[in-house]
Protein backbone atom coordinates (compact mmCIF):
# COMPACT_ATOMS: atom_id res chain seq x y z
CA MET A 1 20.41 18.97 8.82
CA ASP A 2 23.67 17.00 9.02
CA HIS A 3 23.49 15.07 12.29
CA GLN A 4 26.97 13.62 11.91
CA LYS A 5 28.44 17.10 11.70
CA VAL A 6 26.84 17.99 15.03
CA TYR A 7 28.16 14.76 16.59
CA ASP A 8 31.64 15.67 15.37
CA GLN A 9 31.36 19.13 16.89
CA LEU A 10 30.14 17.63 20.17
CA ALA A 11 33.24 15.43 20.14
CA LYS A 12 35.39 18.56 19.82
CA ILE A 13 33.62 20.13 22.78
CA SER A 14 34.26 16.93 24.72
CA ILE A 15 37.98 17.13 23.97
CA LYS A 16 38.09 20.78 24.99
CA LEU A 17 36.36 19.94 28.26
CA MET A 18 38.92 17.19 28.91
CA LEU A 19 41.77 19.64 28.41
CA LYS A 20 40.30 22.68 30.14
CA GLU A 21 38.12 21.11 32.87
CA PRO A 22 38.89 17.37 33.11
CA PHE A 23 36.23 16.68 35.71
CA PHE A 24 33.42 17.90 33.43
CA GLY A 25 35.06 16.29 30.40
CA HIS A 26 35.23 12.84 31.98
CA PHE A 27 31.68 13.11 33.29
CA PHE A 28 30.40 14.25 29.86
CA SER A 29 31.98 11.17 28.27
CA SER A 30 29.64 8.98 30.35
CA ILE A 31 26.46 10.73 29.15
CA VAL A 32 24.38 9.56 26.19
CA LYS A 33 24.13 12.19 23.42
CA GLU A 34 21.38 12.39 20.81
CA ILE A 35 20.68 14.70 17.87
CA SER A 36 16.97 15.24 17.23
CA GLU A 37 14.57 17.72 15.67
CA LYS A 38 11.90 16.69 18.20
CA ILE A 39 13.13 19.29 20.69
CA SER A 40 13.65 23.00 20.04
CA SER A 41 17.12 23.62 21.47
CA ILE A 42 19.10 21.52 24.00
CA ASN A 43 17.60 19.62 26.88
CA ILE A 44 17.98 16.75 29.31
CA SER A 45 15.72 13.76 28.66
CA LEU A 46 15.09 10.27 29.96
CA ASN A 47 16.93 7.49 28.16
CA ARG A 48 14.69 4.38 28.40
CA LYS A 49 13.79 5.38 31.98
CA GLN A 50 17.17 4.16 33.20
CA THR A 51 19.65 6.93 32.47
CA ILE A 52 19.78 10.56 31.38
CA LYS A 53 20.73 11.83 27.95
CA ILE A 54 21.51 15.23 26.45
CA VAL A 55 19.47 15.92 23.31
CA VAL A 56 20.58 18.58 20.83
CA ASN A 57 18.49 20.17 18.09
CA PRO A 58 20.82 20.49 15.05
CA TYR A 59 19.28 23.77 13.82
CA TYR A 60 19.66 25.38 17.25
CA TRP A 61 23.22 24.11 17.49
CA GLN A 62 24.26 25.34 14.05
CA ASN A 63 22.38 28.63 13.89
CA VAL A 64 21.50 29.92 17.35
CA LEU A 65 24.70 28.81 19.05
CA SER A 66 26.88 30.64 16.55
CA VAL A 67 28.49 34.06 16.41
CA LEU A 68 29.02 36.03 13.22
CA ALA A 69 32.17 38.04 12.66
CA ILE A 70 32.15 41.54 11.13
CA ASN A 71 32.61 40.11 7.64
CA GLY A 72 29.51 37.91 8.03
CA GLU A 73 31.47 34.69 8.43
CA ILE A 74 31.03 32.50 11.50
CA ASP A 75 33.48 33.39 14.25
CA GLU A 76 34.69 29.89 15.09
CA LEU A 77 36.34 30.81 18.38
CA GLU A 78 33.35 32.67 19.83
CA THR A 79 30.93 30.07 18.48
CA GLN A 80 32.86 27.27 20.17
CA LYS A 81 32.71 29.20 23.45
CA LEU A 82 28.91 29.41 23.25
CA ARG A 83 28.60 25.71 22.48
CA TYR A 84 31.04 24.84 25.25
CA GLY A 85 28.96 26.85 27.72
CA ALA A 86 25.70 25.30 26.50
CA ILE A 87 27.02 21.78 27.09
CA LYS A 88 28.57 22.64 30.46
CA HIS A 89 25.22 24.16 31.48
CA GLN A 90 23.46 20.83 30.86
CA ILE A 91 26.25 18.85 32.56
CA LEU A 92 25.87 20.94 35.72
CA HIS A 93 22.11 20.40 35.78
CA ILE A 94 22.70 16.63 35.58
CA ILE A 95 25.45 16.61 38.23
CA LEU A 96 23.19 18.49 40.65
CA LYS A 97 20.20 16.30 39.63
CA HIS A 98 17.97 19.33 39.01
CA PRO A 99 15.52 17.49 36.70
CA MET A 100 14.96 14.90 39.43
CA ARG A 101 13.82 17.60 41.84
CA TYR A 102 10.95 18.90 39.70
CA LEU A 103 8.19 17.81 42.09
CA GLU A 104 9.82 19.31 45.20
CA PHE A 105 8.92 22.90 44.34
CA GLY A 106 5.49 24.46 44.11
CA ASN A 107 6.29 27.34 41.74
CA LYS A 108 7.74 25.57 38.71
CA LYS A 109 8.77 28.74 36.87
CA LEU A 110 10.64 29.99 39.91
CA PHE A 111 12.24 26.56 40.28
CA HIS A 112 13.60 26.74 36.72
CA ILE A 113 14.98 30.25 37.29
CA ALA A 114 16.68 29.18 40.52
CA ALA A 115 18.18 26.12 38.80
CA ASP A 116 19.74 28.28 36.08
CA LEU A 117 21.02 30.81 38.62
CA THR A 118 22.79 27.93 40.35
CA VAL A 119 24.60 26.46 37.34
CA ASN A 120 25.39 29.60 35.33
CA GLN A 121 27.72 30.87 38.07
CA TYR A 122 30.21 28.19 37.03
CA ILE A 123 30.24 29.18 33.36
CA GLU A 124 32.32 32.04 31.94
CA SER A 125 30.28 35.06 30.83
CA ASP A 126 31.50 34.82 27.20
CA GLU A 127 30.30 31.21 27.16
CA LEU A 128 26.70 32.20 27.97
CA THR A 129 24.00 33.35 25.57
CA GLU A 130 22.56 36.86 25.97
CA ASP A 131 19.35 35.52 27.52
CA ALA A 132 21.17 33.38 30.09
CA ILE A 133 19.87 33.85 33.65
CA THR A 134 22.58 35.05 36.02
CA LEU A 135 22.87 36.88 39.35
CA LYS A 136 23.99 40.10 37.68
CA PRO A 137 20.47 41.57 37.00
CA PHE A 138 19.47 41.12 40.67
CA PRO A 139 21.77 43.46 42.64
CA GLU A 140 19.07 44.67 45.06
CA PHE A 141 18.26 41.13 46.18
CA GLY A 142 21.71 40.72 47.70
CA MET A 143 21.86 37.01 46.83
CA LYS A 144 25.11 35.24 47.73
CA LYS A 145 27.26 33.51 45.14
CA GLY A 146 28.11 29.82 45.32
CA GLN A 147 24.80 28.68 46.77
CA GLY A 148 22.48 25.86 45.77
CA LEU A 149 19.05 25.56 44.17
CA ASP A 150 17.15 25.64 47.48
CA TYR A 151 18.79 28.90 48.54
CA TYR A 152 17.98 30.75 45.31
CA TYR A 153 14.44 29.40 45.19
CA LYS A 154 13.77 30.66 48.71
CA GLN A 155 15.36 34.05 48.04
CA LEU A 156 13.32 34.58 44.87
CA SER A 157 10.15 33.25 46.51
CA ASP A 158 10.53 35.72 49.39
CA GLN A 159 10.98 38.53 46.87
CA LEU A 160 7.87 37.47 44.97
CA ASP A 161 5.86 37.42 48.20
CA GLY A 162 7.08 40.92 49.03
CA MET A 163 6.19 42.18 45.57
CA ALA A 164 2.69 40.66 45.86
CA LYS A 165 2.08 42.40 49.19
CA SER A 166 3.20 45.70 47.69
CA ASP A 167 0.76 45.26 44.80
CA ASN A 168 -2.06 44.39 47.18
CA ALA A 169 -1.36 47.49 49.23
CA GLN A 170 -1.42 49.52 46.02
CA GLU A 171 1.86 51.15 46.88
CA SER A 172 2.94 53.66 44.28
CA GLU A 173 6.69 53.02 44.60
CA GLU A 174 8.26 51.80 41.41
CA GLN A 175 9.85 48.40 41.34
CA ASN A 176 13.63 48.31 41.49
CA GLN A 177 15.76 46.71 38.78
CA SER A 178 15.87 43.30 40.43
CA GLN A 179 12.11 43.17 40.99
CA GLN A 180 11.41 44.21 37.41
CA GLU A 181 13.82 41.57 36.07
CA LEU A 182 12.15 38.87 38.15
CA LYS A 183 8.69 39.99 37.02
CA ASN A 184 9.77 39.85 33.37
CA LEU A 185 11.19 36.36 33.79
CA MET A 186 7.99 35.18 35.44
CA ASP A 187 5.68 36.76 32.85
CA GLN A 188 7.58 36.38 29.59
CA PRO A 189 8.87 33.31 27.71
CA ASN A 190 12.60 32.59 27.91
CA GLU A 191 14.37 30.25 25.52
CA GLN A 192 16.82 29.17 28.21
CA LEU A 193 14.03 28.11 30.54
CA ASP A 194 12.30 26.35 27.64
CA GLN A 195 15.24 23.93 27.69
CA HIS A 196 13.71 22.50 30.89
CA ASP A 197 10.48 21.50 29.13
CA ASN A 198 11.22 17.77 29.41
CA TRP A 199 11.90 17.90 33.14
CA ASP A 200 8.29 17.16 33.99
CA ASP A 201 8.84 13.71 32.43
CA PHE A 202 10.86 12.84 35.53
CA SER A 203 7.74 13.23 37.66
CA ASP A 204 5.98 10.49 35.67
CA ILE A 205 8.45 7.70 36.42
CA THR A 206 8.25 5.41 39.44
CA LYS A 207 10.39 5.87 42.54
CA ALA A 208 12.29 2.70 41.62
CA GLU A 209 13.09 4.10 38.17
CA GLN A 210 14.11 7.41 39.69
CA LYS A 211 16.48 5.64 42.08
CA ILE A 212 18.06 3.75 39.19
CA ILE A 213 18.77 7.06 37.44
CA GLU A 214 20.11 8.74 40.58
CA ASP A 215 22.36 5.76 41.31
CA ALA A 216 23.67 5.85 37.73
CA ILE A 217 24.51 9.57 38.07
CA ASN A 218 26.17 9.03 41.46
CA GLU A 219 28.20 6.12 40.11
CA SER A 220 29.40 8.25 37.19
CA LEU A 221 30.31 11.07 39.56
CA ILE A 222 32.33 8.76 41.84
CA GLN A 223 34.11 7.18 38.88
CA THR A 224 34.90 10.65 37.55
CA VAL A 225 36.31 11.81 40.89
CA ASN A 226 38.47 8.68 41.07
CA ARG A 227 39.64 9.17 37.48
CA VAL A 228 40.79 12.77 37.68
CA LYS A 229 43.82 13.85 39.66
CA LYS A 230 43.35 15.19 43.18
CA ASP A 231 44.58 18.65 42.17
CA THR A 232 41.95 18.75 39.42
CA PHE A 233 39.18 17.88 41.86
CA GLY A 234 40.59 20.44 44.28
CA SER A 235 40.23 23.21 41.71
CA LEU A 236 36.44 22.81 41.54
CA PRO A 237 34.32 25.52 43.21
CA GLY A 238 33.70 24.98 46.92
CA PHE A 239 29.97 24.35 46.52
CA LEU A 240 30.55 21.60 43.96
CA LYS A 241 33.31 19.97 46.03
CA SER A 242 31.06 19.89 49.09
CA TYR A 243 28.22 18.41 47.05
CA LEU A 244 30.46 15.74 45.53
CA ASN A 245 31.90 14.83 48.92
CA VAL A 246 28.35 14.22 50.17
CA VAL A 247 27.65 11.99 47.14
CA ILE A 248 30.83 10.00 47.74
CA ASP A 249 30.16 9.69 51.47
CA THR A 250 26.60 8.53 50.81
CA LYS A 251 27.73 5.78 48.45
CA GLU A 252 30.46 4.48 50.76
CA PRO A 253 29.26 1.65 52.99
CA HIS A 254 29.05 2.90 56.57
CA ILE A 255 30.58 0.02 58.46
CA ASN A 256 30.42 0.09 62.25
CA TRP A 257 34.16 0.36 62.95
CA LYS A 258 33.62 -0.10 66.70
CA ARG A 259 31.97 -3.47 66.12
CA ILE A 260 34.72 -4.50 63.68
CA LEU A 261 37.38 -3.59 66.25
CA ARG A 262 35.72 -5.63 69.00
CA ILE A 263 35.15 -8.64 66.76
CA PHE A 264 38.76 -8.53 65.54
CA THR A 265 40.27 -8.38 69.02
CA ALA A 266 37.90 -11.05 70.37
CA SER A 267 38.77 -13.42 67.52
CA SER A 268 42.46 -13.02 68.37
CA THR A 269 42.02 -14.43 71.88
CA ARG A 270 44.60 -17.03 72.84
CA THR A 271 43.46 -20.00 74.96
CA GLN A 272 45.52 -21.91 77.51
CA LEU A 273 44.73 -25.27 79.14
CA LYS A 274 45.56 -25.62 82.86
CA ASN A 275 45.21 -28.65 85.14
CA THR A 276 43.19 -28.10 88.28
CA ILE A 277 42.13 -30.34 91.21
CA ARG A 278 39.19 -28.11 91.98
CA ARG A 279 37.31 -29.00 88.84
CA PRO A 280 37.06 -32.77 88.11
CA SER A 281 36.68 -33.90 84.56
CA LYS A 282 32.95 -34.26 83.83
CA ARG A 283 33.62 -36.64 80.99
CA TYR A 284 35.97 -39.06 82.74
CA GLY A 285 35.16 -38.41 86.43
CA THR A 286 38.84 -38.10 87.23
CA SER A 287 40.98 -35.49 88.84
CA PRO A 288 42.73 -33.26 87.99
CA GLY A 289 40.29 -31.57 85.61
CA ILE A 290 41.07 -29.02 82.91
CA LYS A 291 40.39 -25.29 83.13
CA ILE A 292 40.44 -23.06 80.05
CA HIS A 293 42.07 -19.64 80.41
CA SER A 294 41.44 -16.99 77.74
CA LYS A 295 44.01 -14.28 77.21
CA GLN A 296 44.37 -11.37 74.82
CA LYS A 297 47.64 -9.66 74.18
CA ILE A 298 47.16 -6.74 71.78
CA LEU A 299 49.67 -4.28 70.38
CA VAL A 300 48.08 -0.94 69.50
CA ALA A 301 50.15 1.34 67.27
CA ILE A 302 49.11 5.01 67.20
CA ASP A 303 50.20 7.08 64.21
CA THR A 304 51.37 10.41 65.67
CA SER A 305 52.24 12.07 62.37
CA GLY A 306 49.83 14.94 63.00
CA SER A 307 47.09 14.10 60.50
CA VAL A 308 45.00 12.10 62.97
CA LYS A 309 42.45 14.30 64.75
CA GLU A 310 42.13 14.48 68.53
CA ASP A 311 38.40 13.65 68.59
CA GLU A 312 39.05 10.44 66.65
CA LEU A 313 41.81 9.52 69.10
CA HIS A 314 39.39 10.00 71.99
CA ALA A 315 36.78 7.80 70.29
CA PHE A 316 39.41 5.15 69.58
CA PHE A 317 40.66 5.08 73.19
CA ALA A 318 37.07 4.86 74.42
CA GLU A 319 36.73 1.58 72.50
CA LEU A 320 40.10 0.37 73.77
CA TYR A 321 38.80 0.89 77.29
CA HIS A 322 35.94 -1.59 76.71
CA ILE A 323 38.35 -4.16 75.29
CA TRP A 324 40.75 -3.63 78.23
CA LYS A 325 37.88 -4.07 80.72
CA GLN A 326 37.29 -7.53 79.27
CA GLY A 327 40.76 -8.53 80.48
CA ALA A 328 42.93 -7.86 77.45
CA GLU A 329 46.55 -6.81 77.90
CA ILE A 330 47.07 -3.80 75.66
CA ARG A 331 50.43 -2.26 74.91
CA ILE A 332 50.49 1.15 73.21
CA VAL A 333 53.30 2.25 70.93
CA GLU A 334 53.19 5.82 69.69
CA CYS A 335 55.12 6.21 66.48
CA ASP A 336 55.83 8.44 63.52
CA VAL A 337 58.93 7.34 61.60
CA LYS A 338 60.01 5.46 64.75
CA ILE A 339 58.54 4.46 68.10
CA GLN A 340 58.33 7.54 70.34
CA ALA A 341 56.60 6.00 73.37
CA ASN A 342 55.91 2.46 74.60
CA TYR A 343 53.69 1.61 77.60
CA LEU A 344 50.98 -0.71 78.91
CA TYR A 345 47.47 0.68 78.71
CA LYS A 346 45.88 1.03 82.17
CA GLY A 347 42.47 2.29 81.19
CA ILE A 348 43.50 5.96 80.98
CA PRO A 349 44.22 7.63 77.61
CA PRO A 350 47.50 9.52 77.26
CA ASN A 351 47.51 13.23 78.04
CA GLN A 352 49.65 13.95 75.06
CA ILE A 353 50.84 12.09 71.98
CA SER A 354 54.56 11.90 71.24
CA GLY A 355 56.08 12.48 67.84
CA ARG A 356 54.07 14.38 65.21
CA GLY A 357 56.67 13.83 62.49
CA GLY A 358 56.36 11.78 59.28
CA THR A 359 55.02 8.25 59.07
CA ASN A 360 56.69 4.86 58.65
CA PHE A 361 54.78 1.68 59.47
CA ASP A 362 57.78 -0.64 59.94
CA ALA A 363 58.90 0.04 63.53
CA PRO A 364 55.75 -1.20 65.36
CA LEU A 365 55.53 -4.29 63.12
CA GLN A 366 59.16 -5.15 63.80
CA TYR A 367 58.62 -4.64 67.53
CA ALA A 368 55.64 -7.00 67.41
CA ASN A 369 57.64 -9.67 65.57
CA ASP A 370 60.80 -9.52 67.70
CA THR A 371 59.82 -8.34 71.18
CA TYR A 372 56.19 -8.12 72.24
CA LEU A 373 54.76 -11.10 70.30
CA PRO A 374 51.07 -10.06 70.55
CA ASP A 375 48.03 -12.05 69.51
CA ALA A 376 46.96 -9.19 67.24
CA ILE A 377 47.98 -5.71 66.09
CA VAL A 378 45.68 -2.72 65.75
CA TYR A 379 47.21 0.18 63.82
CA PHE A 380 45.40 3.54 64.14
CA THR A 381 46.51 5.80 61.26
CA ASP A 382 45.45 7.91 58.30
CA GLY A 383 47.17 5.39 56.02
CA HIS A 384 49.22 7.99 54.16
CA ALA A 385 52.66 6.37 54.04
CA GLU A 386 54.64 3.90 51.99
CA LYS A 387 53.81 0.20 52.08
CA PRO A 388 55.44 -1.44 55.12
CA THR A 389 58.55 -3.45 54.30
CA VAL A 390 58.20 -5.59 57.45
CA THR A 391 55.88 -8.57 57.13
CA THR A 392 53.91 -9.01 60.34
CA ARG A 393 53.48 -12.50 61.79
CA ARG A 394 50.31 -11.51 63.60
CA PRO A 395 46.79 -10.60 62.41
CA ILE A 396 46.54 -6.85 61.85
CA LEU A 397 43.62 -4.42 61.66
CA TRP A 398 44.22 -0.98 60.20
CA MET A 399 41.91 1.64 61.72
CA ILE A 400 41.84 4.39 59.07
CA SER A 401 40.82 7.85 60.24
CA LYS A 402 37.81 9.48 58.60
CA GLU A 403 39.85 11.84 56.43
CA GLY A 404 42.56 9.26 55.84
CA VAL A 405 43.39 7.28 52.71
CA SER A 406 40.35 6.28 50.63
CA THR A 407 39.18 2.69 50.35
CA GLU A 408 40.25 2.73 46.69
CA ALA A 409 43.84 3.60 47.66
CA TRP A 410 44.54 1.46 50.72
CA ASP A 411 45.62 -1.79 49.07
CA HIS A 412 49.23 -1.12 50.13
CA LEU A 413 48.20 -1.93 53.71
CA PRO A 414 48.30 -5.71 54.41
CA GLY A 415 45.59 -7.33 56.48
CA LYS A 416 42.12 -6.13 57.45
CA LYS A 417 41.12 -2.47 57.11
CA VAL A 418 38.18 -0.39 58.29
CA LYS A 419 37.34 3.30 57.84
CA MET A 420 36.26 5.28 60.90
CA ASN A 421 33.18 6.83 59.23
């Protein structure tokens, strides 16, 4: 069997994925592909116990994943759809790390069925083989769409338990369509489920090796999300978006923003030397002595553009209160495209925030340079605005709201930055 021909056809599928579904196309480009007669169809295997690879049997690819036209010739369009669906099926299993979860479930056959129910929802019906496992044959079970592996495993497990009790009670009622379909899948071989044969290999590797593989998948997912446009990511199904957001959030370092804020403001303390007759110099035994006064003068800019959430504002002001209690002078400026309010902080958060228009970072920075002359600036914002044109003469810390600009896209903000995770 011509392996190179299969590689060429895989490359075409990769291009089609890039054009039709860029997220899956970019992710597929990071996966190792192998053509081998050692497996019977297509499966996911370990690649030197460090990464995952997709292995394709050339006979299965050329003969099973093909559709004949009426004249007996291969229907290229329909054949490409089947192959596209077969590859996307494996990609989804890898993204959701299904092979890594093999040991979590007691009933392995049910686990494999639930895994296929999960991924096949995101593949067009004409891109699936006739024996593909979908929700359609299970109408009586009332299973929801867009759910994950754990949900479908539990739903099917509950149904199996109910069927077992009925059998034990020797009830004469016939099984409904959904129950019969599940029984057939449990009792009979299925070529689609046979594609999971190598998944038990993942239970033989060490936890350290498993973590290496999971980290590699997560890194590829994050790179893929960063590579595709936001509107492309936004078009993914809700379940996948939620899952990917969890992956991204897990990989981001969770820095204690409250500690960063306190350290930043404390390091910006200004010291003053003052002569005093009450405290003689210990070193020279003379009077007057010297007394050191510490003072903090902090400008806090609050972005009022409307994208900063109220609960984050409350948390932010709670931290300001602790800094203020230590003796800092804090001046608040509320601003959107310009300063809307300007007042000294007295330990009480504002009842209402002024503005709620667009965002421009220049006005508070100019005010700090020309008028207030603080020791430090703290700018609470989502970060979504143009780079400031005013160069601040004071140290600045940008407090970025949780749903604000990502750490990969905040380089336009000068100075220190911390995300309020």
